[in-house]
N, C-alpha and C. Protein backbone atom coordinates (compact mmCIF):
# COMPACT_ATOMS: atom_id res chain seq x y z
N PHE A 1 52.76 135.57 110.47
CA PHE A 1 52.67 134.16 110.74
C PHE A 1 53.17 133.89 112.13
N LYS A 2 52.96 132.69 112.63
CA LYS A 2 53.42 132.38 113.98
C LYS A 2 54.50 131.31 113.95
N GLN A 3 55.34 131.35 114.92
CA GLN A 3 56.39 130.35 115.07
C GLN A 3 56.28 129.76 116.46
N VAL A 4 56.46 128.46 116.57
CA VAL A 4 56.47 127.81 117.87
C VAL A 4 57.89 127.42 118.18
N LYS A 5 58.37 127.83 119.36
CA LYS A 5 59.75 127.55 119.74
C LYS A 5 59.77 127.13 121.20
N GLN A 6 60.23 125.95 121.48
CA GLN A 6 60.35 125.41 122.83
C GLN A 6 59.05 125.58 123.62
N GLY A 7 57.92 125.21 123.02
CA GLY A 7 56.65 125.23 123.72
C GLY A 7 56.04 126.61 123.89
N GLN A 8 56.67 127.63 123.31
CA GLN A 8 56.13 128.97 123.41
C GLN A 8 55.62 129.42 122.05
N LEU A 9 54.64 130.25 122.05
CA LEU A 9 54.07 130.77 120.82
C LEU A 9 54.69 132.14 120.55
N HIS A 10 55.26 132.31 119.38
CA HIS A 10 55.86 133.58 119.00
C HIS A 10 55.17 134.09 117.75
N PHE A 11 54.93 135.38 117.68
CA PHE A 11 54.30 135.97 116.51
C PHE A 11 55.29 136.90 115.83
N THR A 12 55.29 136.87 114.53
CA THR A 12 56.07 137.80 113.74
C THR A 12 55.09 138.74 113.08
N PHE A 13 55.26 140.02 113.27
CA PHE A 13 54.34 141.01 112.73
C PHE A 13 54.97 141.64 111.50
N GLU A 14 54.53 141.19 110.34
CA GLU A 14 55.08 141.71 109.10
C GLU A 14 54.45 143.06 108.78
N GLY A 15 55.26 143.97 108.27
CA GLY A 15 54.75 145.27 107.85
C GLY A 15 54.56 146.25 108.99
N MET A 16 54.99 145.90 110.20
CA MET A 16 54.85 146.81 111.34
C MET A 16 56.24 147.19 111.83
N SER A 17 56.37 148.44 112.29
CA SER A 17 57.65 148.88 112.83
C SER A 17 57.86 148.25 114.20
N THR A 18 59.10 148.26 114.66
CA THR A 18 59.42 147.73 115.98
C THR A 18 58.64 148.48 117.06
N ASN A 19 58.50 149.80 116.92
CA ASN A 19 57.76 150.60 117.91
C ASN A 19 56.30 150.18 117.98
N GLU A 20 55.68 149.90 116.83
CA GLU A 20 54.28 149.48 116.81
C GLU A 20 54.10 148.14 117.51
N VAL A 21 55.02 147.21 117.26
CA VAL A 21 54.95 145.89 117.89
C VAL A 21 55.16 146.03 119.40
N GLU A 22 56.14 146.84 119.81
CA GLU A 22 56.38 147.05 121.24
C GLU A 22 55.18 147.70 121.90
N SER A 23 54.52 148.61 121.20
CA SER A 23 53.33 149.27 121.72
C SER A 23 52.22 148.27 121.99
N ILE A 24 52.02 147.34 121.07
CA ILE A 24 51.01 146.30 121.27
C ILE A 24 51.36 145.47 122.48
N GLY A 25 52.62 145.07 122.60
CA GLY A 25 53.05 144.25 123.73
C GLY A 25 52.89 144.96 125.05
N SER A 26 53.24 146.26 125.10
CA SER A 26 53.13 146.98 126.36
C SER A 26 51.68 147.23 126.73
N THR A 27 50.81 147.43 125.75
CA THR A 27 49.39 147.62 126.04
C THR A 27 48.79 146.37 126.64
N SER A 28 49.07 145.21 126.05
CA SER A 28 48.50 143.99 126.59
C SER A 28 49.12 143.65 127.93
N ALA A 29 50.40 144.02 128.12
CA ALA A 29 51.03 143.78 129.42
C ALA A 29 50.37 144.63 130.49
N LYS A 30 50.06 145.90 130.17
CA LYS A 30 49.39 146.76 131.14
C LYS A 30 48.01 146.23 131.48
N ALA A 31 47.27 145.82 130.47
CA ALA A 31 45.91 145.34 130.69
C ALA A 31 45.90 144.08 131.53
N SER A 32 46.92 143.24 131.37
CA SER A 32 46.92 142.00 132.13
C SER A 32 47.75 142.11 133.40
N ALA A 33 48.44 143.25 133.60
CA ALA A 33 49.29 143.39 134.77
C ALA A 33 48.49 143.56 136.05
N ALA A 34 47.34 144.21 135.99
CA ALA A 34 46.56 144.48 137.20
C ALA A 34 46.16 143.20 137.94
N PRO A 35 45.53 142.23 137.28
CA PRO A 35 45.13 141.04 138.02
C PRO A 35 46.26 140.01 138.03
N SER A 36 46.99 139.91 139.14
CA SER A 36 48.10 138.98 139.20
C SER A 36 47.65 137.61 139.71
N SER A 37 46.53 137.55 140.37
CA SER A 37 46.04 136.29 140.91
C SER A 37 44.94 135.72 140.02
N ALA A 38 44.59 134.49 140.29
CA ALA A 38 43.48 133.87 139.55
C ALA A 38 42.20 134.64 139.79
N ALA A 39 42.01 135.13 141.03
CA ALA A 39 40.81 135.92 141.34
C ALA A 39 40.80 137.21 140.55
N GLY A 40 41.96 137.87 140.45
CA GLY A 40 42.05 139.10 139.67
C GLY A 40 41.77 138.87 138.20
N GLN A 41 42.24 137.74 137.69
CA GLN A 41 41.97 137.40 136.29
C GLN A 41 40.50 137.12 136.07
N SER A 42 39.85 136.54 137.08
CA SER A 42 38.41 136.27 137.00
C SER A 42 37.64 137.59 136.96
N VAL A 43 38.05 138.55 137.77
CA VAL A 43 37.42 139.87 137.77
C VAL A 43 37.63 140.53 136.41
N ASN A 44 38.83 140.42 135.88
CA ASN A 44 39.15 140.99 134.58
C ASN A 44 38.21 140.43 133.52
N LYS A 45 38.01 139.12 133.52
CA LYS A 45 37.10 138.48 132.55
C LYS A 45 35.67 138.96 132.74
N ARG A 46 35.25 139.06 133.99
CA ARG A 46 33.89 139.50 134.28
C ARG A 46 33.68 140.93 133.76
N LEU A 47 34.62 141.81 134.03
CA LEU A 47 34.49 143.19 133.59
C LEU A 47 34.52 143.30 132.06
N GLN A 48 35.35 142.51 131.42
CA GLN A 48 35.37 142.51 129.95
C GLN A 48 34.03 142.04 129.40
N SER A 49 33.46 141.03 130.04
CA SER A 49 32.15 140.52 129.62
C SER A 49 31.07 141.58 129.81
N GLU A 50 31.11 142.28 130.94
CA GLU A 50 30.13 143.34 131.21
C GLU A 50 30.28 144.49 130.21
N LEU A 51 31.51 144.80 129.86
CA LEU A 51 31.75 145.85 128.87
C LEU A 51 31.11 145.48 127.54
N MET A 52 31.31 144.24 127.11
CA MET A 52 30.71 143.79 125.85
C MET A 52 29.19 143.84 125.92
N SER A 53 28.62 143.40 127.04
CA SER A 53 27.16 143.43 127.20
C SER A 53 26.63 144.85 127.13
N LEU A 54 27.33 145.78 127.77
CA LEU A 54 26.91 147.19 127.74
C LEU A 54 26.97 147.74 126.32
N MET A 55 28.04 147.42 125.62
CA MET A 55 28.21 147.93 124.26
C MET A 55 27.16 147.35 123.32
N MET A 56 26.81 146.10 123.52
CA MET A 56 25.84 145.44 122.65
C MET A 56 24.39 145.72 123.07
N GLY A 57 24.20 146.07 124.35
CA GLY A 57 22.85 146.24 124.90
C GLY A 57 22.08 147.42 124.35
N GLY A 58 22.75 148.50 124.09
CA GLY A 58 22.08 149.66 123.52
C GLY A 58 21.07 150.34 124.42
N ASP A 59 21.32 150.33 125.74
CA ASP A 59 20.43 151.05 126.66
C ASP A 59 20.53 152.54 126.41
N ALA A 60 19.40 153.18 126.20
CA ALA A 60 19.39 154.63 125.96
C ALA A 60 19.84 155.37 127.21
N GLY A 61 20.74 156.31 127.03
CA GLY A 61 21.16 157.17 128.13
C GLY A 61 22.18 156.56 129.06
N LEU A 62 22.80 155.43 128.69
CA LEU A 62 23.82 154.80 129.54
C LEU A 62 25.03 154.43 128.71
N SER A 63 26.19 154.62 129.27
CA SER A 63 27.40 154.08 128.66
C SER A 63 28.48 154.01 129.73
N ALA A 64 29.45 153.15 129.52
CA ALA A 64 30.59 153.05 130.43
C ALA A 64 31.73 152.35 129.71
N PHE A 65 32.94 152.86 129.95
CA PHE A 65 34.13 152.31 129.32
C PHE A 65 35.29 152.39 130.30
N PRO A 66 36.24 151.45 130.20
CA PRO A 66 37.44 151.55 131.04
C PRO A 66 38.22 152.82 130.72
N ASP A 67 38.90 153.33 131.74
CA ASP A 67 39.79 154.48 131.56
C ASP A 67 41.12 153.96 131.03
N GLY A 68 41.37 154.16 129.77
CA GLY A 68 42.62 153.69 129.17
C GLY A 68 42.76 152.19 129.28
N ASP A 69 43.91 151.76 129.79
CA ASP A 69 44.21 150.33 129.88
C ASP A 69 43.77 149.70 131.20
N ASN A 70 43.24 150.50 132.12
CA ASN A 70 42.90 149.98 133.44
C ASN A 70 41.45 149.49 133.47
N ILE A 71 41.27 148.19 133.41
CA ILE A 71 39.93 147.59 133.40
C ILE A 71 39.22 147.79 134.74
N PHE A 72 39.96 148.15 135.80
CA PHE A 72 39.38 148.32 137.12
C PHE A 72 38.87 149.74 137.39
N GLN A 73 39.08 150.67 136.45
CA GLN A 73 38.56 152.03 136.58
C GLN A 73 37.84 152.40 135.29
N TRP A 74 36.58 152.77 135.44
CA TRP A 74 35.75 153.10 134.28
C TRP A 74 35.18 154.50 134.43
N THR A 75 34.78 155.07 133.30
CA THR A 75 34.00 156.30 133.27
C THR A 75 32.65 155.93 132.70
N GLY A 76 31.61 156.25 133.45
CA GLY A 76 30.25 155.99 132.99
C GLY A 76 29.56 157.30 132.67
N THR A 77 28.53 157.22 131.86
CA THR A 77 27.72 158.38 131.51
C THR A 77 26.26 157.99 131.60
N ILE A 78 25.48 158.83 132.26
CA ILE A 78 24.02 158.63 132.29
C ILE A 78 23.34 159.94 131.93
N THR A 79 22.17 159.83 131.36
CA THR A 79 21.36 161.02 131.09
C THR A 79 20.14 160.96 131.99
N GLY A 80 19.64 162.14 132.32
CA GLY A 80 18.43 162.21 133.15
C GLY A 80 17.24 161.62 132.41
N GLY A 81 16.41 160.92 133.15
CA GLY A 81 15.26 160.25 132.56
C GLY A 81 14.23 161.22 132.00
N SER A 82 13.54 160.78 130.99
CA SER A 82 12.47 161.56 130.37
C SER A 82 11.38 161.85 131.40
N GLY A 83 10.93 163.09 131.43
CA GLY A 83 9.87 163.48 132.36
C GLY A 83 10.34 163.82 133.76
N THR A 84 11.67 163.76 134.01
CA THR A 84 12.19 164.13 135.32
C THR A 84 12.80 165.52 135.24
N VAL A 85 13.12 166.10 136.39
CA VAL A 85 13.76 167.41 136.40
C VAL A 85 15.16 167.35 135.78
N TYR A 86 15.70 166.15 135.62
CA TYR A 86 17.04 165.97 135.06
C TYR A 86 17.01 165.67 133.56
N GLU A 87 15.84 165.69 132.95
CA GLU A 87 15.74 165.44 131.51
C GLU A 87 16.62 166.45 130.77
N GLY A 88 17.45 165.95 129.87
CA GLY A 88 18.35 166.82 129.12
C GLY A 88 19.72 167.00 129.77
N TYR A 89 19.88 166.53 131.00
CA TYR A 89 21.16 166.62 131.69
C TYR A 89 21.96 165.34 131.45
N THR A 90 23.26 165.48 131.35
CA THR A 90 24.16 164.33 131.20
C THR A 90 25.19 164.39 132.32
N PHE A 91 25.43 163.25 132.94
CA PHE A 91 26.37 163.18 134.07
C PHE A 91 27.43 162.12 133.81
N LYS A 92 28.65 162.45 134.20
CA LYS A 92 29.75 161.47 134.15
C LYS A 92 29.93 160.90 135.55
N LEU A 93 30.26 159.62 135.58
CA LEU A 93 30.49 158.90 136.83
C LEU A 93 31.85 158.23 136.79
N ALA A 94 32.48 158.12 137.94
CA ALA A 94 33.73 157.35 138.07
C ALA A 94 33.39 156.04 138.76
N LEU A 95 33.78 154.93 138.16
CA LEU A 95 33.54 153.61 138.74
C LEU A 95 34.89 152.96 139.01
N LYS A 96 35.09 152.52 140.25
CA LYS A 96 36.33 151.83 140.63
C LYS A 96 35.94 150.46 141.17
N PHE A 97 36.50 149.42 140.56
CA PHE A 97 36.15 148.06 140.92
C PHE A 97 37.21 147.45 141.82
N PRO A 98 36.79 146.85 142.94
CA PRO A 98 37.76 146.17 143.81
C PRO A 98 38.16 144.83 143.19
N THR A 99 39.27 144.27 143.64
CA THR A 99 39.69 142.97 143.12
C THR A 99 38.74 141.86 143.57
N SER A 100 37.87 142.17 144.52
CA SER A 100 36.88 141.19 144.99
C SER A 100 35.54 141.31 144.25
N TYR A 101 35.46 142.18 143.24
CA TYR A 101 34.25 142.32 142.44
C TYR A 101 33.96 140.99 141.74
N PRO A 102 32.76 140.53 141.66
CA PRO A 102 31.47 141.16 141.96
C PRO A 102 30.96 140.88 143.37
N TYR A 103 31.79 140.29 144.23
CA TYR A 103 31.34 139.99 145.59
C TYR A 103 31.34 141.22 146.48
N GLU A 104 31.98 142.27 146.00
CA GLU A 104 31.98 143.57 146.67
C GLU A 104 31.61 144.61 145.62
N SER A 105 30.84 145.60 146.01
CA SER A 105 30.35 146.60 145.06
C SER A 105 31.46 147.50 144.55
N PRO A 106 31.28 148.06 143.36
CA PRO A 106 32.23 149.06 142.90
C PRO A 106 32.01 150.36 143.68
N GLN A 107 33.03 151.19 143.72
CA GLN A 107 32.89 152.53 144.29
C GLN A 107 32.47 153.43 143.13
N VAL A 108 31.32 154.08 143.27
CA VAL A 108 30.80 154.91 142.19
C VAL A 108 30.56 156.32 142.72
N THR A 109 31.09 157.31 142.02
CA THR A 109 30.88 158.71 142.39
C THR A 109 30.57 159.51 141.13
N PHE A 110 29.85 160.61 141.33
CA PHE A 110 29.60 161.54 140.23
C PHE A 110 30.87 162.34 139.98
N SER A 111 31.31 162.39 138.74
CA SER A 111 32.43 163.27 138.36
C SER A 111 31.88 164.64 137.99
N THR A 112 30.71 164.64 137.36
CA THR A 112 30.00 165.88 137.04
C THR A 112 29.28 166.32 138.31
N PRO A 113 29.42 167.57 138.74
CA PRO A 113 28.67 168.02 139.92
C PRO A 113 27.18 167.76 139.74
N CYS A 114 26.57 167.20 140.79
CA CYS A 114 25.16 166.82 140.71
C CYS A 114 24.41 167.32 141.95
N PHE A 115 23.43 168.16 141.72
CA PHE A 115 22.56 168.64 142.80
C PHE A 115 21.43 167.63 142.92
N HIS A 116 21.44 166.87 144.01
CA HIS A 116 20.46 165.80 144.20
C HIS A 116 20.40 165.44 145.69
N PRO A 117 19.22 165.05 146.18
CA PRO A 117 19.11 164.69 147.60
C PRO A 117 20.06 163.58 148.04
N ASN A 118 20.38 162.64 147.16
CA ASN A 118 21.20 161.49 147.55
C ASN A 118 22.64 161.56 147.04
N VAL A 119 23.09 162.78 146.71
CA VAL A 119 24.47 162.98 146.25
C VAL A 119 25.07 164.14 147.04
N ASP A 120 26.25 163.89 147.64
CA ASP A 120 26.87 164.98 148.40
C ASP A 120 27.76 165.84 147.50
N GLN A 121 28.37 166.86 148.11
CA GLN A 121 29.18 167.82 147.35
C GLN A 121 30.41 167.20 146.71
N TYR A 122 30.80 166.01 147.16
CA TYR A 122 31.98 165.33 146.61
C TYR A 122 31.61 164.30 145.54
N GLY A 123 30.31 164.15 145.28
CA GLY A 123 29.87 163.19 144.28
C GLY A 123 29.53 161.82 144.82
N ASN A 124 29.65 161.65 146.15
CA ASN A 124 29.29 160.36 146.76
C ASN A 124 27.78 160.14 146.64
N ILE A 125 27.39 158.89 146.46
CA ILE A 125 26.00 158.55 146.21
C ILE A 125 25.47 157.66 147.32
N CYS A 126 24.31 158.01 147.84
CA CYS A 126 23.63 157.17 148.82
C CYS A 126 22.64 156.29 148.06
N LEU A 127 23.04 155.06 147.82
CA LEU A 127 22.21 154.10 147.10
C LEU A 127 22.46 152.74 147.71
N ASP A 128 21.39 152.11 148.21
CA ASP A 128 21.54 150.87 148.96
C ASP A 128 22.25 149.75 148.20
N ILE A 129 22.07 149.67 146.87
CA ILE A 129 22.74 148.57 146.15
C ILE A 129 24.25 148.79 146.03
N LEU A 130 24.72 149.98 146.36
CA LEU A 130 26.16 150.22 146.39
C LEU A 130 26.73 149.99 147.78
N LYS A 131 25.86 149.67 148.70
CA LYS A 131 26.27 149.45 150.09
C LYS A 131 25.78 148.08 150.56
N GLU A 132 24.89 148.08 151.55
CA GLU A 132 24.46 146.85 152.20
C GLU A 132 23.58 145.94 151.33
N LYS A 133 22.96 146.46 150.32
CA LYS A 133 22.08 145.64 149.46
C LYS A 133 22.79 145.12 148.21
N TRP A 134 24.10 145.26 148.15
CA TRP A 134 24.85 144.79 146.99
C TRP A 134 24.73 143.27 146.85
N SER A 135 24.66 142.80 145.63
CA SER A 135 24.62 141.38 145.32
C SER A 135 25.55 141.11 144.14
N ALA A 136 26.19 139.96 144.15
CA ALA A 136 27.07 139.58 143.05
C ALA A 136 26.30 139.41 141.74
N ALA A 137 24.98 139.35 141.83
CA ALA A 137 24.15 139.25 140.62
C ALA A 137 24.07 140.59 139.89
N TYR A 138 24.38 141.69 140.57
CA TYR A 138 24.35 143.01 139.94
C TYR A 138 25.56 143.18 139.03
N ASN A 139 25.44 144.13 138.12
CA ASN A 139 26.54 144.41 137.20
C ASN A 139 26.57 145.91 136.91
N VAL A 140 27.45 146.32 136.03
CA VAL A 140 27.60 147.75 135.72
C VAL A 140 26.29 148.32 135.18
N ARG A 141 25.64 147.58 134.32
CA ARG A 141 24.36 148.04 133.75
C ARG A 141 23.34 148.27 134.87
N THR A 142 23.23 147.34 135.80
CA THR A 142 22.31 147.47 136.93
C THR A 142 22.62 148.73 137.74
N VAL A 143 23.89 148.96 137.99
CA VAL A 143 24.31 150.13 138.77
C VAL A 143 23.93 151.42 138.04
N LEU A 144 24.25 151.50 136.76
CA LEU A 144 23.95 152.71 136.00
C LEU A 144 22.44 152.95 135.90
N LEU A 145 21.68 151.90 135.65
CA LEU A 145 20.21 152.04 135.60
C LEU A 145 19.65 152.48 136.94
N SER A 146 20.20 151.95 138.03
CA SER A 146 19.73 152.32 139.37
C SER A 146 20.02 153.78 139.68
N ILE A 147 21.20 154.25 139.30
CA ILE A 147 21.54 155.66 139.53
C ILE A 147 20.68 156.55 138.65
N GLN A 148 20.46 156.15 137.42
CA GLN A 148 19.59 156.91 136.52
C GLN A 148 18.18 156.99 137.11
N SER A 149 17.69 155.90 137.65
CA SER A 149 16.36 155.88 138.28
C SER A 149 16.33 156.75 139.54
N LEU A 150 17.42 156.70 140.31
CA LEU A 150 17.51 157.49 141.54
C LEU A 150 17.40 158.99 141.25
N LEU A 151 17.91 159.42 140.10
CA LEU A 151 17.82 160.84 139.75
C LEU A 151 16.38 161.33 139.80
N GLY A 152 15.47 160.56 139.25
CA GLY A 152 14.07 160.98 139.20
C GLY A 152 13.24 160.55 140.38
N ASP A 153 13.78 159.65 141.21
CA ASP A 153 13.03 159.12 142.34
C ASP A 153 13.96 158.95 143.54
N PRO A 154 14.35 160.05 144.18
CA PRO A 154 15.31 159.97 145.28
C PRO A 154 14.72 159.33 146.53
N ASN A 155 15.62 158.87 147.39
CA ASN A 155 15.24 158.37 148.70
C ASN A 155 15.38 159.54 149.67
N LEU A 156 14.27 160.18 149.98
CA LEU A 156 14.30 161.36 150.84
C LEU A 156 14.52 161.02 152.31
N ASP A 157 14.48 159.72 152.64
CA ASP A 157 14.74 159.30 154.02
C ASP A 157 16.23 159.23 154.33
N SER A 158 17.08 159.20 153.31
CA SER A 158 18.53 159.11 153.50
C SER A 158 19.26 160.17 152.66
N PRO A 159 18.98 161.44 152.92
CA PRO A 159 19.61 162.47 152.08
C PRO A 159 21.08 162.71 152.45
N LEU A 160 21.87 162.97 151.43
CA LEU A 160 23.24 163.44 151.64
C LEU A 160 23.30 164.94 151.42
N ASN A 161 22.28 165.47 150.76
CA ASN A 161 22.16 166.90 150.51
C ASN A 161 20.81 167.34 151.08
N GLY A 162 20.83 167.84 152.30
CA GLY A 162 19.61 168.22 153.00
C GLY A 162 18.81 169.30 152.29
N HIS A 163 19.51 170.27 151.71
CA HIS A 163 18.81 171.35 151.00
C HIS A 163 18.03 170.79 149.81
N ALA A 164 18.68 169.95 149.01
CA ALA A 164 18.00 169.35 147.85
C ALA A 164 16.80 168.52 148.30
N ALA A 165 16.96 167.79 149.39
CA ALA A 165 15.86 166.96 149.90
C ALA A 165 14.69 167.83 150.36
N SER A 166 15.01 168.95 151.01
CA SER A 166 13.95 169.80 151.56
C SER A 166 13.11 170.48 150.49
N ILE A 167 13.66 170.69 149.30
CA ILE A 167 12.90 171.38 148.25
C ILE A 167 12.46 170.43 147.12
N TRP A 168 12.77 169.15 147.23
CA TRP A 168 12.45 168.19 146.17
C TRP A 168 10.98 168.24 145.74
N ASN A 169 10.07 168.32 146.69
CA ASN A 169 8.64 168.28 146.37
C ASN A 169 8.09 169.57 145.78
N ASN A 170 8.88 170.63 145.76
CA ASN A 170 8.50 171.89 145.12
C ASN A 170 9.27 171.95 143.79
N THR A 171 8.66 171.41 142.74
CA THR A 171 9.34 171.25 141.45
C THR A 171 9.92 172.55 140.90
N ALA A 172 9.16 173.63 140.98
CA ALA A 172 9.64 174.91 140.44
C ALA A 172 10.88 175.38 141.19
N GLU A 173 10.83 175.32 142.52
CA GLU A 173 11.98 175.74 143.32
C GLU A 173 13.17 174.81 143.09
N TYR A 174 12.90 173.52 142.97
CA TYR A 174 13.97 172.55 142.75
C TYR A 174 14.66 172.80 141.41
N LYS A 175 13.87 173.01 140.36
CA LYS A 175 14.44 173.27 139.03
C LYS A 175 15.31 174.53 139.05
N LYS A 176 14.85 175.54 139.78
CA LYS A 176 15.61 176.79 139.88
C LYS A 176 16.95 176.53 140.58
N ALA A 177 16.92 175.77 141.68
CA ALA A 177 18.15 175.45 142.41
C ALA A 177 19.08 174.57 141.57
N LEU A 178 18.50 173.66 140.81
CA LEU A 178 19.27 172.79 139.93
C LEU A 178 19.99 173.60 138.85
N GLN A 179 19.27 174.53 138.24
CA GLN A 179 19.87 175.39 137.21
C GLN A 179 20.96 176.29 137.80
N LYS A 180 20.72 176.81 138.99
CA LYS A 180 21.71 177.66 139.65
C LYS A 180 22.97 176.85 139.96
N HIS A 181 22.79 175.64 140.46
CA HIS A 181 23.92 174.76 140.77
C HIS A 181 24.72 174.45 139.50
N ARG A 182 24.00 174.13 138.45
CA ARG A 182 24.64 173.81 137.17
C ARG A 182 25.43 175.01 136.64
N ALA A 183 24.83 176.20 136.71
CA ALA A 183 25.49 177.41 136.22
C ALA A 183 26.73 177.74 137.04
N SER A 184 26.66 177.58 138.36
CA SER A 184 27.81 177.91 139.21
C SER A 184 28.97 176.96 138.95
N HIS A 185 28.69 175.71 138.65
CA HIS A 185 29.77 174.75 138.38
C HIS A 185 30.29 174.87 136.95
N ALA A 186 29.43 175.28 136.04
CA ALA A 186 29.87 175.46 134.64
C ALA A 186 30.85 176.62 134.54
N SER A 187 30.61 177.68 135.31
CA SER A 187 31.50 178.84 135.25
C SER A 187 32.85 178.53 135.89
N LYS A 188 32.90 177.62 136.85
CA LYS A 188 34.16 177.26 137.50
C LYS A 188 35.02 176.40 136.59
N SER A 189 34.39 175.58 135.76
CA SER A 189 35.16 174.69 134.89
C SER A 189 35.53 175.34 133.57
N ALA A 190 35.00 176.52 133.28
CA ALA A 190 35.29 177.18 132.00
C ALA A 190 36.62 177.88 132.01
């Protein structure tokens, strides 16, 4: 039940240990600690709304969730599109949102090593909507769909990986290089 005392709302949690109640309080404090300003709280609400939309949207091959209690850092997952050289591949992405989001783009990098013309060895992505073409109308779903699309349709005019760009049009050679890249990184992480 709840008790009101001097204009404050107090909750009594029956049947819960003191540690469980403190855990709930510290979790909500952490989640709300990041945005200290009204602008930060607005970003927090926007990101929570986007998370709900993603969860309810059911887009095949896309997902993203906050890392623990930090709503400003997410882990995303995309799968390679059907009919592309990346079909059957799954990639993890790190998304970091600035306090000025959505007026400034999130920083998005591949966490899973990705051999691609528009991805460098550190996972940085060359995608115009993450840079100069960013719009506040975009959201996490838009970003993930754009990166998923980029996998099968790279911009060969702006490569970050020259070798991948140079062999992109030779599908057999590209698939071989992709498999070799995947195998070399799988053995390092094992």
